[in-house]
Each structure stands twice: as structure tokens, then as C-alpha cells.
PDB file of N, CA and C in Angstrom:
ATOM      1  N   UNK A   1       0.992  -0.917   0.083  1.00  0.00           N
ATOM      2  CA  UNK A   1      -0.023   0.039   0.081  1.00  0.00           C
ATOM      3  C   UNK A   1       0.914   1.564  -0.078  1.00  0.00           C
ATOM      4  N   UNK A   2       0.761   2.036  -0.799  1.00  0.00           N
ATOM      5  CA  UNK A   2       1.775   3.250  -0.683  1.00  0.00           C
ATOM      6  C   UNK A   2       0.747   4.361   0.093  1.00  0.00           C
ATOM      7  N   UNK A   3       1.940   5.292   0.502  1.00  0.00           N
ATOM      8  CA  UNK A   3       1.483   6.091   1.757  1.00  0.00           C
ATOM      9  C   UNK A   3       0.307   7.059   1.381  1.00  0.00           C
ATOM     10  N   UNK A   4       0.160   7.081  -0.213  1.00  0.00           N
ATOM     11  CA  UNK A   4      -1.238   7.933  -0.449  1.00  0.00           C
ATOM     12  C   UNK A   4      -2.129   7.137  -0.292  1.00  0.00           C
ATOM     13  N   UNK A   5      -2.231   5.724  -0.411  1.00  0.00           N
ATOM     14  CA  UNK A   5      -3.553   5.132  -0.316  1.00  0.00           C
ATOM     15  C   UNK A   5      -3.652   4.947   1.332  1.00  0.00           C
ATOM     16  N   UNK A   6      -2.517   5.030   1.928  1.00  0.00           N
ATOM     17  CA  UNK A   6      -2.803   4.830   3.276  1.00  0.00           C
ATOM     18  C   UNK A   6      -3.258   5.653   4.418  1.00  0.00           C
ATOM     19  N   UNK A   7      -3.057   7.114   3.659  1.00  0.00           N
ATOM     20  CA  UNK A   7      -3.856   8.178   3.982  1.00  0.00           C
ATOM     21  C   UNK A   7      -4.871   8.537   3.731  1.00  0.00           C
ATOM     22  N   UNK A   8      -5.670   8.359   2.698  1.00  0.00           N
ATOM     23  CA  UNK A   8      -6.746   8.078   1.983  1.00  0.00           C
ATOM     24  C   UNK A   8      -7.440   7.445   2.855  1.00  0.00           C
ATOM     25  N   UNK A   9      -7.375   5.902   3.045  1.00  0.00           N
ATOM     26  CA  UNK A   9      -7.786   4.720   4.104  1.00  0.00           C
ATOM     27  C   UNK A   9      -8.401   4.854   5.509  1.00  0.00           C
ATOM     28  N   UNK A  10      -7.063   6.049   6.231  1.00  0.00           N
ATOM     29  CA  UNK A  10      -6.819   6.309   7.194  1.00  0.00           C
ATOM     30  C   UNK A  10      -7.483   7.688   7.282  1.00  0.00           C
ATOM     31  N   UNK A  11      -7.807   8.534   6.573  1.00  0.00           N
ATOM     32  CA  UNK A  11      -8.913   9.940   6.509  1.00  0.00           C
ATOM     33  C   UNK A  11      -9.662   9.488   6.785  1.00  0.00           C
ATOM     34  N   UNK A  12     -10.610   8.479   5.799  1.00  0.00           N
ATOM     35  CA  UNK A  12     -11.888   7.558   5.994  1.00  0.00           C
ATOM     36  C   UNK A  12     -12.519   7.257   6.832  1.00  0.00           C
ATOM     37  N   UNK A  13     -11.541   6.836   7.843  1.00  0.00           N
ATOM     38  CA  UNK A  13     -11.530   5.588   8.901  1.00  0.00           C
ATOM     39  C   UNK A  13     -11.992   6.674  10.180  1.00  0.00           C
ATOM     40  N   UNK A  14     -11.360   8.177  10.110  1.00  0.00           N
ATOM     41  CA  UNK A  14     -10.585   9.089  10.853  1.00  0.00           C
ATOM     42  C   UNK A  14     -12.067  10.111  11.220  1.00  0.00           C
ATOM     43  N   UNK A  15     -12.741  10.332   9.926  1.00  0.00           N
ATOM     44  CA  UNK A  15     -14.023  11.182   9.923  1.00  0.00           C
ATOM     45  C   UNK A  15     -14.993  11.086   9.354  1.00  0.00           C
ATOM     46  N   UNK A  16     -14.895   9.142   9.437  1.00  0.00           N
ATOM     47  CA  UNK A  16     -16.532   8.719   9.179  1.00  0.00           C
ATOM     48  C   UNK A  16     -17.168   9.253  10.044  1.00  0.00           C
ATOM     49  N   UNK A  17     -18.731   9.484  10.075  1.00  0.00           N
ATOM     50  CA  UNK A  17     -19.726   9.103  10.687  1.00  0.00           C
ATOM     51  C   UNK A  17     -20.170   8.095  12.105  1.00  0.00           C
ATOM     52  N   UNK A  18     -20.091   8.171  12.992  1.00  0.00           N
ATOM     53  CA  UNK A  18     -20.653   7.207  13.982  1.00  0.00           C
ATOM     54  C   UNK A  18     -21.916   6.875  13.047  1.00  0.00           C
ATOM     55  N   UNK A  19     -22.184   5.272  13.222  1.00  0.00           N
ATOM     56  CA  UNK A  19     -23.265   4.769  13.040  1.00  0.00           C
ATOM     57  C   UNK A  19     -24.795   5.206  12.968  1.00  0.00           C
ATOM     58  N   UNK A  20     -24.967   5.762  14.777  1.00  0.00           N
ATOM     59  CA  UNK A  20     -25.660   6.507  14.941  1.00  0.00           C
ATOM     60  C   UNK A  20     -26.285   8.267  14.511  1.00  0.00           C
ATOM     61  N   UNK A  21     -25.317   8.188  13.361  1.00  0.00           N
ATOM     62  CA  UNK A  21     -25.563   9.622  12.874  1.00  0.00           C
ATOM     63  C   UNK A  21     -25.800   9.586  11.341  1.00  0.00           C
ATOM     64  N   UNK A  22     -26.369   7.960  11.376  1.00  0.00           N
ATOM     65  CA  UNK A  22     -27.033   8.291   9.833  1.00  0.00           C
ATOM     66  C   UNK A  22     -28.090   8.782   9.493  1.00  0.00           C
ATOM     67  N   UNK A  23     -28.405   8.976  10.284  1.00  0.00           N
ATOM     68  CA  UNK A  23     -30.005  10.005   9.982  1.00  0.00           C
ATOM     69  C   UNK A  23     -29.776  11.473  10.640  1.00  0.00           C
ATOM     70  N   UNK A  24     -28.773  11.803  11.220  1.00  0.00           N
ATOM     71  CA  UNK A  24     -28.623  13.030  11.183  1.00  0.00           C
ATOM     72  C   UNK A  24     -28.405  13.500  12.774  1.00  0.00           C
ATOM     73  N   UNK A  25     -27.676  14.417  13.343  1.00  0.00           N
ATOM     74  CA  UNK A  25     -28.230  14.737  14.630  1.00  0.00           C
ATOM     75  C   UNK A  25     -29.567  14.615  15.168  1.00  0.00           C
ATOM     76  N   UNK A  26     -30.025  14.708  16.256  1.00  0.00           N
ATOM     77  CA  UNK A  26     -30.926  15.082  16.534  1.00  0.00           C
ATOM     78  C   UNK A  26     -31.235  16.110  18.064  1.00  0.00           C
ATOM     79  N   UNK A  27     -32.166  16.833  18.380  1.00  0.00           N
ATOM     80  CA  UNK A  27     -32.444  17.853  19.734  1.00  0.00           C
ATOM     81  C   UNK A  27     -33.656  17.458  19.147  1.00  0.00           C
ATOM     82  N   UNK A  28     -33.882  16.446  20.791  1.00  0.00           N
ATOM     83  CA  UNK A  28     -35.312  16.262  21.244  1.00  0.00           C
ATOM     84  C   UNK A  28     -35.528  16.172  22.588  1.00  0.00           C
ATOM     85  N   UNK A  29     -36.050  16.377  23.269  1.00  0.00           N
ATOM     86  CA  UNK A  29     -36.722  16.677  24.907  1.00  0.00           C
ATOM     87  C   UNK A  29     -37.369  17.596  24.912  1.00  0.00           C
ATOM     88  N   UNK A  30     -36.474  18.503  25.806  1.00  0.00           N
ATOM     89  CA  UNK A  30     -37.068  19.933  26.398  1.00  0.00           C
ATOM     90  C   UNK A  30     -35.842  20.957  26.474  1.00  0.00           C
ATOM     91  N   UNK A  31     -35.995  22.564  26.983  1.00  0.00           N
ATOM     92  CA  UNK A  31     -34.815  23.237  26.671  1.00  0.00           C
ATOM     93  C   UNK A  31     -33.595  22.993  27.609  1.00  0.00           C
ATOM     94  N   UNK A  32     -34.323  22.065  28.719  1.00  0.00           N
ATOM     95  CA  UNK A  32     -32.563  21.530  29.341  1.00  0.00           C
ATOM     96  C   UNK A  32     -32.148  20.250  29.060  1.00  0.00           C
ATOM     97  N   UNK A  33     -32.632  19.979  28.017  1.00  0.00           N
ATOM     98  CA  UNK A  33     -31.854  18.886  26.952  1.00  0.00           C
ATOM     99  C   UNK A  33     -30.301  18.773  26.523  1.00  0.00           C
ATOM    100  N   UNK A  34     -29.718  18.436  26.679  1.00  0.00           N
ATOM    101  CA  UNK A  34     -28.136  18.915  26.624  1.00  0.00           C
ATOM    102  C   UNK A  34     -27.952  17.926  25.125  1.00  0.00           C
ATOM    103  N   UNK A  35     -27.423  19.291  24.507  1.00  0.00           N
ATOM    104  CA  UNK A  35     -26.867  18.677  22.902  1.00  0.00           C
ATOM    105  C   UNK A  35     -25.896  17.915  22.487  1.00  0.00           C
ATOM    106  N   UNK A  36     -26.213  16.846  21.828  1.00  0.00           N
ATOM    107  CA  UNK A  36     -25.027  16.064  22.139  1.00  0.00           C
ATOM    108  C   UNK A  36     -24.129  15.852  20.693  1.00  0.00           C
ATOM    109  N   UNK A  37     -24.111  16.929  19.788  1.00  0.00           N
ATOM    110  CA  UNK A  37     -22.836  17.348  18.956  1.00  0.00           C
ATOM    111  C   UNK A  37     -22.562  18.959  18.899  1.00  0.00           C
ATOM    112  N   UNK A  38     -21.644  18.800  17.752  1.00  0.00           N
ATOM    113  CA  UNK A  38     -21.188  20.146  17.361  1.00  0.00           C
ATOM    114  C   UNK A  38     -20.504  20.895  18.415  1.00  0.00           C
ATOM    115  N   UNK A  39     -20.368  22.288  18.264  1.00  0.00           N
ATOM    116  CA  UNK A  39     -19.187  22.708  19.129  1.00  0.00           C
ATOM    117  C   UNK A  39     -19.550  22.956  20.777  1.00  0.00           C
ATOM    118  N   UNK A  40     -21.175  22.646  20.834  1.00  0.00           N
ATOM    119  CA  UNK A  40     -21.573  23.213  21.946  1.00  0.00           C
ATOM    120  C   UNK A  40     -22.333  21.576  22.782  1.00  0.00           C
ATOM    121  N   UNK A  41     -21.271  20.981  22.375  1.00  0.00           N
ATOM    122  CA  UNK A  41     -21.696  19.161  22.869  1.00  0.00           C
ATOM    123  C   UNK A  41     -21.661  19.145  24.457  1.00  0.00           C
ATOM    124  N   UNK A  42     -22.841  18.732  24.986  1.00  0.00           N
ATOM    125  CA  UNK A  42     -22.629  18.930  26.683  1.00  0.00           C
ATOM    126  C   UNK A  42     -23.623  19.925  27.033  1.00  0.00           C
ATOM    127  N   UNK A  43     -23.693  21.237  26.453  1.00  0.00           N
ATOM    128  CA  UNK A  43     -24.546  22.260  26.853  1.00  0.00           C
ATOM    129  C   UNK A  43     -26.401  22.059  26.634  1.00  0.00           C
ATOM    130  N   UNK A  44     -26.876  22.476  27.438  1.00  0.00           N
ATOM    131  CA  UNK A  44     -28.420  22.893  27.083  1.00  0.00           C
ATOM    132  C   UNK A  44     -28.750  23.836  25.742  1.00  0.00           C
ATOM    133  N   UNK A  45     -29.745  23.693  25.680  1.00  0.00           N
ATOM    134  CA  UNK A  45     -30.878  24.325  24.367  1.00  0.00           C
ATOM    135  C   UNK A  45     -30.286  26.108  24.866  1.00  0.00           C
ATOM    136  N   UNK A  46     -30.944  25.900  26.592  1.00  0.00           N
ATOM    137  CA  UNK A  46     -31.384  27.289  26.919  1.00  0.00           C
ATOM    138  C   UNK A  46     -30.016  28.327  27.131  1.00  0.00           C
ATOM    139  N   UNK A  47     -28.788  27.498  27.639  1.00  0.00           N
ATOM    140  CA  UNK A  47     -27.645  27.597  27.587  1.00  0.00           C
ATOM    141  C   UNK A  47     -27.175  28.406  26.230  1.00  0.00           C
ATOM    142  N   UNK A  48     -27.192  27.544  25.354  1.00  0.00           N
ATOM    143  CA  UNK A  48     -26.311  27.868  24.121  1.00  0.00           C
ATOM    144  C   UNK A  48     -27.793  29.465  23.222  1.00  0.00           C
ATOM    145  N   UNK A  49     -28.834  29.047  23.847  1.00  0.00           N
ATOM    146  CA  UNK A  49     -29.785  29.835  23.469  1.00  0.00           C
ATOM    147  C   UNK A  49     -29.390  31.308  24.079  1.00  0.00           C
ATOM    148  N   UNK A  50     -28.707  31.497  25.296  1.00  0.00           N
ATOM    149  CA  UNK A  50     -28.795  32.567  26.096  1.00  0.00           C
ATOM    150  C   UNK A  50     -27.175  32.965  25.529  1.00  0.00           C
ATOM    151  N   UNK A  51     -26.026  31.890  25.482  1.00  0.00           N
ATOM    152  CA  UNK A  51     -25.012  32.598  25.098  1.00  0.00           C
ATOM    153  C   UNK A  51     -24.351  32.806  23.933  1.00  0.00           C
ATOM    154  N   UNK A  52     -25.004  32.137  22.733  1.00  0.00           N
ATOM    155  CA  UNK A  52     -24.646  32.112  21.094  1.00  0.00           C
ATOM    156  C   UNK A  52     -25.890  31.871  20.410  1.00  0.00           C
ATOM    157  N   UNK A  53     -27.390  32.769  20.644  1.00  0.00           N
ATOM    158  CA  UNK A  53     -28.344  32.621  20.082  1.00  0.00           C
ATOM    159  C   UNK A  53     -28.416  32.704  18.187  1.00  0.00           C
ATOM    160  N   UNK A  54     -26.934  33.122  18.128  1.00  0.00           N
ATOM    161  CA  UNK A  54     -26.850  33.494  16.203  1.00  0.00           C
ATOM    162  C   UNK A  54     -26.677  32.174  15.872  1.00  0.00           C
ATOM    163  N   UNK A  55     -25.718  30.768  17.082  1.00  0.00           N
ATOM    164  CA  UNK A  55     -25.646  29.404  16.708  1.00  0.00           C
ATOM    165  C   UNK A  55     -26.958  28.662  16.415  1.00  0.00           C
ATOM    166  N   UNK A  56     -27.692  28.877  17.465  1.00  0.00           N
ATOM    167  CA  UNK A  56     -29.281  28.307  17.402  1.00  0.00           C
ATOM    168  C   UNK A  56     -29.945  28.658  16.222  1.00  0.00           C
ATOM    169  N   UNK A  57     -29.814  29.729  15.568  1.00  0.00           N
ATOM    170  CA  UNK A  57     -30.603  30.083  14.431  1.00  0.00           C
ATOM    171  C   UNK A  57     -30.274  29.232  13.061  1.00  0.00           C
ATOM    172  N   UNK A  58     -28.449  29.030  13.400  1.00  0.00           N
ATOM    173  CA  UNK A  58     -28.407  28.884  12.283  1.00  0.00           C
ATOM    174  C   UNK A  58     -28.414  27.168  12.519  1.00  0.00           C
ATOM    175  N   UNK A  59     -28.865  26.746  13.629  1.00  0.00           N
ATOM    176  CA  UNK A  59     -28.985  25.318  13.785  1.00  0.00           C
ATOM    177  C   UNK A  59     -30.804  25.088  13.099  1.00  0.00           C
ATOM    178  N   UNK A  60     -31.332  26.369  13.757  1.00  0.00           N
ATOM    179  CA  UNK A  60     -32.544  26.097  13.268  1.00  0.00           C
ATOM    180  C   UNK A  60     -32.732  25.930  11.476  1.00  0.00           C
ATOM    181  N   UNK A  61     -31.615  26.709  10.817  1.00  0.00           N
ATOM    182  CA  UNK A  61     -31.952  26.993   9.488  1.00  0.00           C
ATOM    183  C   UNK A  61     -31.454  25.622   8.853  1.00  0.00           C
ATOM    184  N   UNK A  62     -30.641  24.849   9.560  1.00  0.00           N
ATOM    185  CA  UNK A  62     -29.872  23.065   9.202  1.00  0.00           C
ATOM    186  C   UNK A  62     -31.226  22.151   9.560  1.00  0.00           C
ATOM    187  N   UNK A  63     -32.163  22.921   9.896  1.00  0.00           N
ATOM    188  CA  UNK A  63     -33.658  21.831  10.099  1.00  0.00           C
ATOM    189  C   UNK A  63     -33.600  20.666   9.442  1.00  0.00           C
ATOM    190  N   UNK A  64     -33.425  20.987   8.029  1.00  0.00           N
ATOM    191  CA  UNK A  64     -33.398  19.488   6.983  1.00  0.00           C
ATOM    192  C   UNK A  64     -32.248  18.038   7.411  1.00  0.00           C
ATOM    193  N   UNK A  65     -31.171  18.881   8.077  1.00  0.00           N
ATOM    194  CA  UNK A  65     -30.558  17.731   8.445  1.00  0.00           C
ATOM    195  C   UNK A  65     -30.061  17.596   9.271  1.00  0.00           C
ATOM    196  N   UNK A  66     -31.002  18.517  10.472  1.00  0.00           N
ATOM    197  CA  UNK A  66     -30.567  18.300  11.923  1.00  0.00           C
ATOM    198  C   UNK A  66     -32.060  17.993  12.210  1.00  0.00           C
ATOM    199  N   UNK A  67     -32.598  17.030  13.126  1.00  0.00           N
ATOM    200  CA  UNK A  67     -34.127  16.656  13.303  1.00  0.00           C
ATOM    201  C   UNK A  67     -34.202  16.953  14.729  1.00  0.00           C
ATOM    202  N   UNK A  68     -35.327  18.064  14.678  1.00  0.00           N
ATOM    203  CA  UNK A  68     -35.507  18.804  15.643  1.00  0.00           C
ATOM    204  C   UNK A  68     -36.840  18.750  15.765  1.00  0.00           C
ATOM    205  N   UNK A  69     -37.346  17.961  17.375  1.00  0.00           N
ATOM    206  CA  UNK A  69     -38.648  17.969  17.711  1.00  0.00           C
ATOM    207  C   UNK A  69     -39.591  19.259  17.464  1.00  0.00           C
ATOM    208  N   UNK A  70     -40.704  19.291  16.531  1.00  0.00           N
ATOM    209  CA  UNK A  70     -41.571  19.840  16.399  1.00  0.00           C
ATOM    210  C   UNK A  70     -41.660  21.373  17.580  1.00  0.00           C
ATOM    211  N   UNK A  71     -42.197  20.359  18.698  1.00  0.00           N
ATOM    212  CA  UNK A  71     -42.626  21.265  19.860  1.00  0.00           C
ATOM    213  C   UNK A  71     -41.017  21.775  20.615  1.00  0.00           C
ATOM    214  N   UNK A  72     -40.661  21.031  20.446  1.00  0.00           N
ATOM    215  CA  UNK A  72     -39.150  22.019  21.038  1.00  0.00           C
ATOM    216  C   UNK A  72     -38.601  23.006  19.810  1.00  0.00           C
ATOM    217  N   UNK A  73     -38.829  22.902  18.702  1.00  0.00           N
ATOM    218  CA  UNK A  73     -38.541  24.168  17.521  1.00  0.00           C
ATOM    219  C   UNK A  73     -39.541  25.368  18.026  1.00  0.00           C
ATOM    220  N   UNK A  74     -40.543  25.252  18.177  1.00  0.00           N
ATOM    221  CA  UNK A  74     -41.722  26.245  18.469  1.00  0.00           C
ATOM    222  C   UNK A  74     -40.946  27.074  20.123  1.00  0.00           C
ATOM    223  N   UNK A  75     -40.641  26.309  21.000  1.00  0.00           N
ATOM    224  CA  UNK A  75     -40.092  26.452  22.123  1.00  0.00           C
ATOM    225  C   UNK A  75     -39.077  27.399  21.854  1.00  0.00           C
ATOM    226  N   UNK A  76     -37.950  26.816  20.828  1.00  0.00           N
ATOM    227  CA  UNK A  76     -36.702  27.781  20.639  1.00  0.00           C
ATOM    228  C   UNK A  76     -36.737  29.063  20.130  1.00  0.00           C
ATOM    229  N   UNK A  77     -37.756  29.026  18.732  1.00  0.00           N
ATOM    230  CA  UNK A  77     -38.261  30.055  18.111  1.00  0.00           C
ATOM    231  C   UNK A  77     -38.682  31.292  18.965  1.00  0.00           C
ATOM    232  N   UNK A  78     -39.559  30.685  20.058  1.00  0.00           N
ATOM    233  CA  UNK A  78     -40.188  32.028  20.654  1.00  0.00           C
ATOM    234  C   UNK A  78     -39.020  32.180  21.898  1.00  0.00           C
ATOM    235  N   UNK A  79     -38.304  31.591  22.314  1.00  0.00           N
ATOM    236  CA  UNK A  79     -36.849  32.150  23.258  1.00  0.00           C
ATOM    237  C   UNK A  79     -36.318  33.039  22.271  1.00  0.00           C
ATOM    238  N   UNK A  80     -35.825  32.949  21.236  1.00  0.00           N
ATOM    239  CA  UNK A  80     -35.292  33.484  20.140  1.00  0.00           C
ATOM    240  C   UNK A  80     -35.766  35.019  19.977  1.00  0.00           C
ATOM    241  N   UNK A  81     -37.290  35.080  19.713  1.00  0.00           N
ATOM    242  CA  UNK A  81     -37.535  36.008  19.530  1.00  0.00           C
ATOM    243  C   UNK A  81     -38.016  36.899  20.596  1.00  0.00           C
ATOM    244  N   UNK A  82     -38.093  36.569  21.883  1.00  0.00           N
ATOM    245  CA  UNK A  82     -38.106  37.594  23.569  1.00  0.00           C
ATOM    246  C   UNK A  82     -37.030  38.325  23.425  1.00  0.00           C
TER     247      UNK A  82
END
């Protein structure tokens, strides 16, 4: 195996999404639920809205690739408009 082939194979392994991400990341639960992906992993939705509302707006715009429960999406939009 050449160095290039080795690096290509290693790159694919390193950056492959875990199996549970095949449907895309999800935001479920309530405003106190913790996010399990992205730069705010482990933060609650409420904390993200307070600290970086632009990031949450960006997530909502990416709603097609990130699954957000409808009732939670409504709550998030209300908080962002306050």
C-alpha cells in the first residue's frame, strides 16, 4: 500500500460519522436537554440560546439535516424572539 492510499484510508476511518448519526443529529426533549453534537456538545439548549443565539438560529436553518422535535422547535423560536 502506498503512502497516499494509506492516508486516504486513514482519513476515511478518522472522519467517518458514527453509525448512530446516519439519520443526522437530533435535538429532542426540552429546553434543558443537552446537545450531543457540534461545538456546544454537553450544553443545554437554554444555555446555547443565552450564550450564542446566532448558533441556535443557524441550527434551525439547518433543520433539514438536523432533526428537531416540532414542539421543541416552537419553544426555541419563541425564546430567540424574546
